[in-house]
Every structure is written in structure tokens, then in C-alpha cells.
């Protein structure tokens, strides 16, 4: 197998982070190809390699595997470590991954990912408070049921990867998720794969206007650690 994973800007692309950190953390070798967001709309350019005009895309020979969940399922058929081995933990992890993939819309909209900044957010809406409370509940449940230190047990799996973008959001916006969940957030931030992604994000010098506007709308930027 010879994989190429196509992703976008490290600062902004939460969907790209999921399969990237999964493959890095599990030691699944791949060629890393970055296609930056050049504008607010990149559909035409990304259609050259992506059926949906979006990232991420995993290329395996003549196959293009799209969507972060589609990529995860494809990899799981070939790499057993993608999901927890214990049946109960695996079932919980798959449900939690599906919930992240389809839910948390307010969190995505109100707290867009930007790895390199720290934001003093506006007063949160009731919907955002519900999303954050659900995160704390879900993460706490996984850590308690399966013993940690990762969400579904002793090793990093796809469920940790799917919530990796939220880890950066928790730090960027100072979201309160409680002590048990915060310990997992800190553990994730210390992972070598997460540090590698963050280092690349901080080194990026390009800015995309619409993504920057989303951050500005979310609150007041109080720190910016990105390269000039």
C-alpha cells in the first residue's frame, strides 16, 4: 500500500486533521500533500483530485477515498488498530465518531478552528453551551468506562482523532470541559503527531480572508502565535 493524503491549511482545516493525525499516531505511512485554501471557494481547484471538491482525500493507487469518515473506514479495513479491539469500546467509539461527524454544528460555526491564535469569545449561545456540555459528558464517559488515558481505552484510536480538532478549539477559545476532559485535552496536545501539526500551522505565512473573518467574528483575538 502506498497512500497519499491530501489536506489543506494546518491552521484552518479541521476535517483534514482527523485522518492526518490518525495515520501519524498509528504509524500508517503516507505521502503528505498540502493543497491550501486559496480562497473562500476552492471547489473548482479541488475537483482536480477530489470528487466532492473538498479535502481531505486519501489516494491509494487509482482510488480516491474522500471524506474524513470514509477515509477512516477504508483504513480500518486494512489496519486493525484504527478501532479499539474490545467490542464494547469499539461500539462506543464508532458511535462517538458518528456523533462528531454529523453533530456539533454550533461549535463548528461559533468556534472555527485556528490553531495559532487565542480568542476571547463572545458570550456563548445556549446552543454552544449545550455542545460544550455534551463534549464534557461524552469525553468523561469514555474515559471513565474504558479507563483512559485515551477516550476508548489505553491506546489512541479513531475516536481520539475525530475529536482532535476540538482539542485545538478548547485551547483557542478557553472552553470549559471539566477536569477529566481537560486532562485528555492536555494529553492530546502533548502527542507528537499533534505537536507536528501545530508546528506546521504556526509556520504557515499565508492567510485566507474568509477564514480570518470567521475568527474575527467569533471574538477578540488576544494572542497570535503564527509566523508573520
C-alpha atoms as a PDB file:
ATOM      1  CA  UNK A   1       0.000   0.000   0.000  1.00  0.00           C
ATOM      2  CA  UNK A   2       1.236   3.460  -0.909  1.00  0.00           C
ATOM      3  CA  UNK A   3      -1.006   6.218   0.393  1.00  0.00           C
ATOM      4  CA  UNK A   4      -1.079   9.916  -0.394  1.00  0.00           C
ATOM      5  CA  UNK A   5      -3.162  12.065   1.947  1.00  0.00           C
ATOM      6  CA  UNK A   6      -4.288  15.404   0.524  1.00  0.00           C
ATOM      7  CA  UNK A   7      -5.118  18.042   3.128  1.00  0.00           C
ATOM      8  CA  UNK A   8      -5.374  21.814   3.389  1.00  0.00           C
ATOM      9  CA  UNK A   9      -4.035  24.563   5.652  1.00  0.00           C
ATOM     10  CA  UNK A  10      -2.925  23.368   9.067  1.00  0.00           C
ATOM     11  CA  UNK A  11      -4.367  26.426  10.800  1.00  0.00           C
ATOM     12  CA  UNK A  12      -7.882  26.081   9.417  1.00  0.00           C
ATOM     13  CA  UNK A  13      -8.640  22.585   8.135  1.00  0.00           C
ATOM     14  CA  UNK A  14     -10.263  20.628  10.943  1.00  0.00           C
ATOM     15  CA  UNK A  15     -11.545  17.917   8.609  1.00  0.00           C
ATOM     16  CA  UNK A  16      -8.011  17.367   7.287  1.00  0.00           C
ATOM     17  CA  UNK A  17      -6.574  16.928  10.770  1.00  0.00           C
ATOM     18  CA  UNK A  18      -8.652  13.853  11.557  1.00  0.00           C
ATOM     19  CA  UNK A  19      -7.195  11.303   9.096  1.00  0.00           C
ATOM     20  CA  UNK A  20      -3.780  13.006   9.201  1.00  0.00           C
ATOM     21  CA  UNK A  21      -3.357  12.646  12.968  1.00  0.00           C
ATOM     22  CA  UNK A  22      -4.897   9.165  12.877  1.00  0.00           C
ATOM     23  CA  UNK A  23      -2.351   7.938  10.344  1.00  0.00           C
ATOM     24  CA  UNK A  24       0.544   9.708  12.043  1.00  0.00           C
ATOM     25  CA  UNK A  25      -0.312   8.448  15.524  1.00  0.00           C
ATOM     26  CA  UNK A  26      -0.802   4.859  14.316  1.00  0.00           C
ATOM     27  CA  UNK A  27       2.341   4.846  12.193  1.00  0.00           C
ATOM     28  CA  UNK A  28       0.491   4.357   8.893  1.00  0.00           C
ATOM     29  CA  UNK A  29       2.927   5.665   6.287  1.00  0.00           C
ATOM     30  CA  UNK A  30       1.730   8.173   3.710  1.00  0.00           C
ATOM     31  CA  UNK A  31       2.897  10.937   1.411  1.00  0.00           C
ATOM     32  CA  UNK A  32       1.759  14.274   2.815  1.00  0.00           C
ATOM     33  CA  UNK A  33       0.330  16.644   0.183  1.00  0.00           C
ATOM     34  CA  UNK A  34      -0.990  20.075   1.146  1.00  0.00           C
ATOM     35  CA  UNK A  35      -3.412  21.979  -1.097  1.00  0.00           C
ATOM     36  CA  UNK A  36      -4.033  25.335   0.617  1.00  0.00           C
ATOM     37  CA  UNK A  37      -7.342  27.138   0.746  1.00  0.00           C
ATOM     38  CA  UNK A  38      -6.563  29.863  -1.799  1.00  0.00           C
ATOM     39  CA  UNK A  39      -9.976  31.495  -1.492  1.00  0.00           C
ATOM     40  CA  UNK A  40     -13.309  31.158   0.279  1.00  0.00           C
ATOM     41  CA  UNK A  41     -14.449  28.808  -2.504  1.00  0.00           C
ATOM     42  CA  UNK A  42     -11.965  26.169  -3.713  1.00  0.00           C
ATOM     43  CA  UNK A  43     -14.356  23.730  -5.371  1.00  0.00           C
ATOM     44  CA  UNK A  44     -13.091  24.025  -8.940  1.00  0.00           C
ATOM     45  CA  UNK A  45      -9.425  23.670  -7.986  1.00  0.00           C
ATOM     46  CA  UNK A  46     -10.029  20.789  -5.582  1.00  0.00           C
ATOM     47  CA  UNK A  47     -12.179  18.928  -8.110  1.00  0.00           C
ATOM     48  CA  UNK A  48      -8.928  18.038  -9.880  1.00  0.00           C
ATOM     49  CA  UNK A  49      -8.286  15.467  -7.143  1.00  0.00           C
ATOM     50  CA  UNK A  50     -11.476  15.274  -5.051  1.00  0.00           C
ATOM     51  CA  UNK A  51     -14.902  14.016  -6.191  1.00  0.00           C
ATOM     52  CA  UNK A  52     -16.588  16.495  -3.832  1.00  0.00           C
ATOM     53  CA  UNK A  53     -14.216  19.406  -4.383  1.00  0.00           C
ATOM     54  CA  UNK A  54     -13.250  19.181  -0.714  1.00  0.00           C
ATOM     55  CA  UNK A  55     -10.446  17.843   1.470  1.00  0.00           C
ATOM     56  CA  UNK A  56      -9.298  15.501   2.853  1.00  0.00           C
ATOM     57  CA  UNK A  57      -8.768  12.871   0.178  1.00  0.00           C
ATOM     58  CA  UNK A  58      -6.767   9.671   0.501  1.00  0.00           C
ATOM     59  CA  UNK A  59      -5.228   8.394  -2.722  1.00  0.00           C
ATOM     60  CA  UNK A  60      -4.453   4.677  -2.816  1.00  0.00           C
ATOM     61  CA  UNK A  61      -3.262   3.664  -6.257  1.00  0.00           C
ATOM     62  CA  UNK A  62      -6.038   4.587  -8.675  1.00  0.00           C
ATOM     63  CA  UNK A  63      -8.585   5.059  -5.866  1.00  0.00           C
ATOM     64  CA  UNK A  64      -9.601   8.400  -4.400  1.00  0.00           C
ATOM     65  CA  UNK A  65     -11.140   7.913  -0.956  1.00  0.00           C
ATOM     66  CA  UNK A  66     -12.974  11.043   0.196  1.00  0.00           C
ATOM     67  CA  UNK A  67     -14.438  12.410   3.429  1.00  0.00           C
ATOM     68  CA  UNK A  68     -12.730  12.005   6.809  1.00  0.00           C
ATOM     69  CA  UNK A  69     -15.124   9.242   7.848  1.00  0.00           C
ATOM     70  CA  UNK A  70     -14.843   7.467   4.512  1.00  0.00           C
ATOM     71  CA  UNK A  71     -11.052   7.536   4.845  1.00  0.00           C
ATOM     72  CA  UNK A  72     -11.239   6.204   8.396  1.00  0.00           C
ATOM     73  CA  UNK A  73     -13.490   3.312   7.390  1.00  0.00           C
ATOM     74  CA  UNK A  74     -11.225   2.486   4.443  1.00  0.00           C
ATOM     75  CA  UNK A  75      -8.154   2.464   6.662  1.00  0.00           C
ATOM     76  CA  UNK A  76      -9.909   0.370   9.310  1.00  0.00           C
ATOM     77  CA  UNK A  77     -10.412  -2.416   6.765  1.00  0.00           C
ATOM     78  CA  UNK A  78      -6.643  -2.530   6.288  1.00  0.00           C
ATOM     79  CA  UNK A  79      -5.260  -1.500   9.695  1.00  0.00           C
ATOM     80  CA  UNK A  80      -6.941  -3.109  12.740  1.00  0.00           C
ATOM     81  CA  UNK A  81      -5.565  -0.520  15.185  1.00  0.00           C
ATOM     82  CA  UNK A  82      -7.908   2.172  13.808  1.00  0.00           C
ATOM     83  CA  UNK A  83     -10.710   0.998  16.145  1.00  0.00           C
ATOM     84  CA  UNK A  84     -10.464  -0.306  19.724  1.00  0.00           C
ATOM     85  CA  UNK A  85     -10.132  -4.061  19.860  1.00  0.00           C
ATOM     86  CA  UNK A  86     -12.631  -4.636  22.691  1.00  0.00           C
ATOM     87  CA  UNK A  87     -16.153  -4.940  21.306  1.00  0.00           C
ATOM     88  CA  UNK A  88     -17.812  -2.573  23.796  1.00  0.00           C
ATOM     89  CA  UNK A  89     -15.159   0.098  23.386  1.00  0.00           C
ATOM     90  CA  UNK A  90     -15.310  -0.255  19.614  1.00  0.00           C
ATOM     91  CA  UNK A  91     -19.091   0.180  19.550  1.00  0.00           C
ATOM     92  CA  UNK A  92     -18.872   3.269  21.768  1.00  0.00           C
ATOM     93  CA  UNK A  93     -16.030   4.738  19.703  1.00  0.00           C
ATOM     94  CA  UNK A  94     -17.909   4.260  16.447  1.00  0.00           C
ATOM     95  CA  UNK A  95     -20.993   5.984  17.856  1.00  0.00           C
ATOM     96  CA  UNK A  96     -18.885   8.862  19.185  1.00  0.00           C
ATOM     97  CA  UNK A  97     -17.178   9.246  15.802  1.00  0.00           C
ATOM     98  CA  UNK A  98     -20.551   9.300  14.040  1.00  0.00           C
ATOM     99  CA  UNK A  99     -21.819  11.909  16.508  1.00  0.00           C
ATOM    100  CA  UNK A 100     -18.838  14.154  15.824  1.00  0.00           C
ATOM    101  CA  UNK A 101     -19.164  13.692  12.088  1.00  0.00           C
ATOM    102  CA  UNK A 102     -22.829  14.659  11.979  1.00  0.00           C
ATOM    103  CA  UNK A 103     -23.249  16.901  15.007  1.00  0.00           C
ATOM    104  CA  UNK A 104     -21.835  19.822  16.987  1.00  0.00           C
ATOM    105  CA  UNK A 105     -22.876  22.301  14.290  1.00  0.00           C
ATOM    106  CA  UNK A 106     -22.922  25.282  16.637  1.00  0.00           C
ATOM    107  CA  UNK A 107     -19.441  24.504  17.907  1.00  0.00           C
ATOM    108  CA  UNK A 108     -18.148  24.379  14.329  1.00  0.00           C
ATOM    109  CA  UNK A 109     -19.844  27.657  13.375  1.00  0.00           C
ATOM    110  CA  UNK A 110     -19.206  29.665  16.534  1.00  0.00           C
ATOM    111  CA  UNK A 111     -15.685  28.385  17.204  1.00  0.00           C
ATOM    112  CA  UNK A 112     -13.940  27.884  13.840  1.00  0.00           C
ATOM    113  CA  UNK A 113     -10.578  26.158  14.032  1.00  0.00           C
ATOM    114  CA  UNK A 114      -7.466  28.298  14.044  1.00  0.00           C
ATOM    115  CA  UNK A 115      -4.529  26.589  15.712  1.00  0.00           C
ATOM    116  CA  UNK A 116      -2.302  29.630  16.026  1.00  0.00           C
ATOM    117  CA  UNK A 117      -4.500  32.144  17.840  1.00  0.00           C
ATOM    118  CA  UNK A 118      -6.163  32.549  21.215  1.00  0.00           C
ATOM    119  CA  UNK A 119      -9.590  34.171  21.252  1.00  0.00           C
ATOM    120  CA  UNK A 120     -11.686  35.825  23.915  1.00  0.00           C
ATOM    121  CA  UNK A 121     -15.044  34.612  22.614  1.00  0.00           C
ATOM    122  CA  UNK A 122     -18.331  36.423  22.573  1.00  0.00           C
ATOM    123  CA  UNK A 123     -20.942  35.438  25.147  1.00  0.00           C
ATOM    124  CA  UNK A 124     -21.825  31.853  24.152  1.00  0.00           C
ATOM    125  CA  UNK A 125     -25.284  30.995  22.904  1.00  0.00           C
ATOM    126  CA  UNK A 126     -27.396  28.352  24.681  1.00  0.00           C
ATOM    127  CA  UNK A 127     -26.771  26.053  21.716  1.00  0.00           C
ATOM    128  CA  UNK A 128     -22.996  26.381  22.082  1.00  0.00           C
ATOM    129  CA  UNK A 129     -23.241  25.748  25.813  1.00  0.00           C
ATOM    130  CA  UNK A 130     -25.163  22.556  25.054  1.00  0.00           C
ATOM    131  CA  UNK A 131     -22.486  21.434  22.586  1.00  0.00           C
ATOM    132  CA  UNK A 132     -19.700  22.045  25.089  1.00  0.00           C
ATOM    133  CA  UNK A 133     -21.622  20.302  27.871  1.00  0.00           C
ATOM    134  CA  UNK A 134     -22.136  17.299  25.582  1.00  0.00           C
ATOM    135  CA  UNK A 135     -18.410  17.177  24.840  1.00  0.00           C
ATOM    136  CA  UNK A 136     -17.595  17.111  28.541  1.00  0.00           C
ATOM    137  CA  UNK A 137     -20.199  14.395  29.114  1.00  0.00           C
ATOM    138  CA  UNK A 138     -19.070  12.254  26.175  1.00  0.00           C
ATOM    139  CA  UNK A 139     -15.356  12.507  26.880  1.00  0.00           C
ATOM    140  CA  UNK A 140     -15.895  11.870  30.569  1.00  0.00           C
ATOM    141  CA  UNK A 141     -17.981   8.802  29.782  1.00  0.00           C
ATOM    142  CA  UNK A 142     -15.318   7.292  27.546  1.00  0.00           C
ATOM    143  CA  UNK A 143     -12.501   7.972  29.971  1.00  0.00           C
ATOM    144  CA  UNK A 144     -14.489   6.539  32.884  1.00  0.00           C
ATOM    145  CA  UNK A 145     -15.879   3.454  31.124  1.00  0.00           C
ATOM    146  CA  UNK A 146     -12.693   2.348  29.386  1.00  0.00           C
ATOM    147  CA  UNK A 147     -10.077   3.512  31.878  1.00  0.00           C
ATOM    148  CA  UNK A 148      -8.181   6.017  29.731  1.00  0.00           C
ATOM    149  CA  UNK A 149      -5.844   7.600  29.113  1.00  0.00           C
ATOM    150  CA  UNK A 150      -7.464   7.853  25.674  1.00  0.00           C
ATOM    151  CA  UNK A 151     -11.178   8.124  25.001  1.00  0.00           C
ATOM    152  CA  UNK A 152     -11.799   4.431  24.339  1.00  0.00           C
ATOM    153  CA  UNK A 153      -9.059   2.873  26.431  1.00  0.00           C
ATOM    154  CA  UNK A 154      -5.291   2.626  26.727  1.00  0.00           C
ATOM    155  CA  UNK A 155      -4.339   3.445  23.130  1.00  0.00           C
ATOM    156  CA  UNK A 156      -5.064   6.183  20.591  1.00  0.00           C
ATOM    157  CA  UNK A 157      -7.775   5.239  18.075  1.00  0.00           C
ATOM    158  CA  UNK A 158     -10.085   6.870  15.553  1.00  0.00           C
ATOM    159  CA  UNK A 159     -12.328   8.393  18.213  1.00  0.00           C
ATOM    160  CA  UNK A 160      -9.400  10.428  19.561  1.00  0.00           C
ATOM    161  CA  UNK A 161      -8.547  11.512  16.024  1.00  0.00           C
ATOM    162  CA  UNK A 162     -12.087  12.687  15.307  1.00  0.00           C
ATOM    163  CA  UNK A 163     -12.105  14.952  18.344  1.00  0.00           C
ATOM    164  CA  UNK A 164      -8.552  16.227  17.753  1.00  0.00           C
ATOM    165  CA  UNK A 165      -9.784  19.432  16.035  1.00  0.00           C
ATOM    166  CA  UNK A 166     -11.950  20.134  19.088  1.00  0.00           C
ATOM    167  CA  UNK A 167      -8.830  19.872  21.242  1.00  0.00           C
ATOM    168  CA  UNK A 168      -7.428  22.916  19.450  1.00  0.00           C
ATOM    169  CA  UNK A 169     -10.790  24.681  19.737  1.00  0.00           C
ATOM    170  CA  UNK A 170     -10.869  24.105  23.500  1.00  0.00           C
ATOM    171  CA  UNK A 171      -7.500  25.802  23.789  1.00  0.00           C
ATOM    172  CA  UNK A 172      -8.173  28.579  21.276  1.00  0.00           C
ATOM    173  CA  UNK A 173     -11.427  29.683  22.919  1.00  0.00           C
ATOM    174  CA  UNK A 174     -10.779  28.613  26.502  1.00  0.00           C
ATOM    175  CA  UNK A 175     -13.792  26.287  26.536  1.00  0.00           C
ATOM    176  CA  UNK A 176     -14.586  24.737  29.926  1.00  0.00           C
ATOM    177  CA  UNK A 177     -14.945  20.969  29.674  1.00  0.00           C
ATOM    178  CA  UNK A 178     -14.171  19.901  33.255  1.00  0.00           C
ATOM    179  CA  UNK A 179     -11.043  18.389  34.817  1.00  0.00           C
ATOM    180  CA  UNK A 180     -11.237  14.845  33.413  1.00  0.00           C
ATOM    181  CA  UNK A 181     -11.827  16.029  29.841  1.00  0.00           C
ATOM    182  CA  UNK A 182      -9.218  18.785  30.240  1.00  0.00           C
ATOM    183  CA  UNK A 183      -6.630  16.157  31.224  1.00  0.00           C
ATOM    184  CA  UNK A 184      -7.371  14.321  27.970  1.00  0.00           C
ATOM    185  CA  UNK A 185      -7.103  17.605  26.031  1.00  0.00           C
ATOM    186  CA  UNK A 186      -3.660  18.220  27.570  1.00  0.00           C
ATOM    187  CA  UNK A 187      -2.603  14.660  26.756  1.00  0.00           C
ATOM    188  CA  UNK A 188      -3.677  15.119  23.158  1.00  0.00           C
ATOM    189  CA  UNK A 189      -1.827  18.422  22.829  1.00  0.00           C
ATOM    190  CA  UNK A 190       1.326  16.647  24.001  1.00  0.00           C
ATOM    191  CA  UNK A 191       1.129  13.907  21.346  1.00  0.00           C
ATOM    192  CA  UNK A 192       3.990  14.085  18.876  1.00  0.00           C
ATOM    193  CA  UNK A 193       1.572  13.994  15.927  1.00  0.00           C
ATOM    194  CA  UNK A 194      -0.441  16.907  17.326  1.00  0.00           C
ATOM    195  CA  UNK A 195       2.730  18.872  18.027  1.00  0.00           C
ATOM    196  CA  UNK A 196       3.883  18.251  14.452  1.00  0.00           C
ATOM    197  CA  UNK A 197       0.561  19.571  13.066  1.00  0.00           C
ATOM    198  CA  UNK A 198       0.710  22.592  15.361  1.00  0.00           C
ATOM    199  CA  UNK A 199       4.304  23.378  14.396  1.00  0.00           C
ATOM    200  CA  UNK A 200       3.335  23.374  10.713  1.00  0.00           C
ATOM    201  CA  UNK A 201       0.311  25.554  11.477  1.00  0.00           C
ATOM    202  CA  UNK A 202       2.397  28.145  13.291  1.00  0.00           C
ATOM    203  CA  UNK A 203       4.895  28.223  10.422  1.00  0.00           C
ATOM    204  CA  UNK A 204       2.249  28.985   7.791  1.00  0.00           C
ATOM    205  CA  UNK A 205       2.501  32.533   6.464  1.00  0.00           C
ATOM    206  CA  UNK A 206      -0.499  32.553   4.134  1.00  0.00           C
ATOM    207  CA  UNK A 207      -3.858  33.843   5.296  1.00  0.00           C
ATOM    208  CA  UNK A 208      -7.252  33.228   3.702  1.00  0.00           C
ATOM    209  CA  UNK A 209      -9.591  36.176   4.086  1.00  0.00           C
ATOM    210  CA  UNK A 210     -12.855  34.357   4.780  1.00  0.00           C
ATOM    211  CA  UNK A 211     -11.298  32.072   7.394  1.00  0.00           C
ATOM    212  CA  UNK A 212      -9.711  35.062   9.099  1.00  0.00           C
ATOM    213  CA  UNK A 213     -13.077  36.835   9.074  1.00  0.00           C
ATOM    214  CA  UNK A 214     -14.690  33.844  10.788  1.00  0.00           C
ATOM    215  CA  UNK A 215     -12.171  34.078  13.608  1.00  0.00           C
ATOM    216  CA  UNK A 216     -12.749  37.809  13.931  1.00  0.00           C
ATOM    217  CA  UNK A 217     -16.482  37.222  14.165  1.00  0.00           C
ATOM    218  CA  UNK A 218     -16.022  34.616  16.903  1.00  0.00           C
ATOM    219  CA  UNK A 219     -14.449  37.039  19.378  1.00  0.00           C
ATOM    220  CA  UNK A 220     -11.426  39.176  20.111  1.00  0.00           C
ATOM    221  CA  UNK A 221      -8.013  37.749  19.179  1.00  0.00           C
ATOM    222  CA  UNK A 222      -5.812  38.181  22.244  1.00  0.00           C
ATOM    223  CA  UNK A 223      -2.773  36.189  21.054  1.00  0.00           C
ATOM    224  CA  UNK A 224      -1.478  35.293  17.590  1.00  0.00           C
ATOM    225  CA  UNK A 225       1.431  32.838  17.556  1.00  0.00           C
ATOM    226  CA  UNK A 226       1.573  32.396  13.784  1.00  0.00           C
ATOM    227  CA  UNK A 227       4.540  33.373  11.650  1.00  0.00           C
ATOM    228  CA  UNK A 228       4.264  36.814  10.084  1.00  0.00           C
END
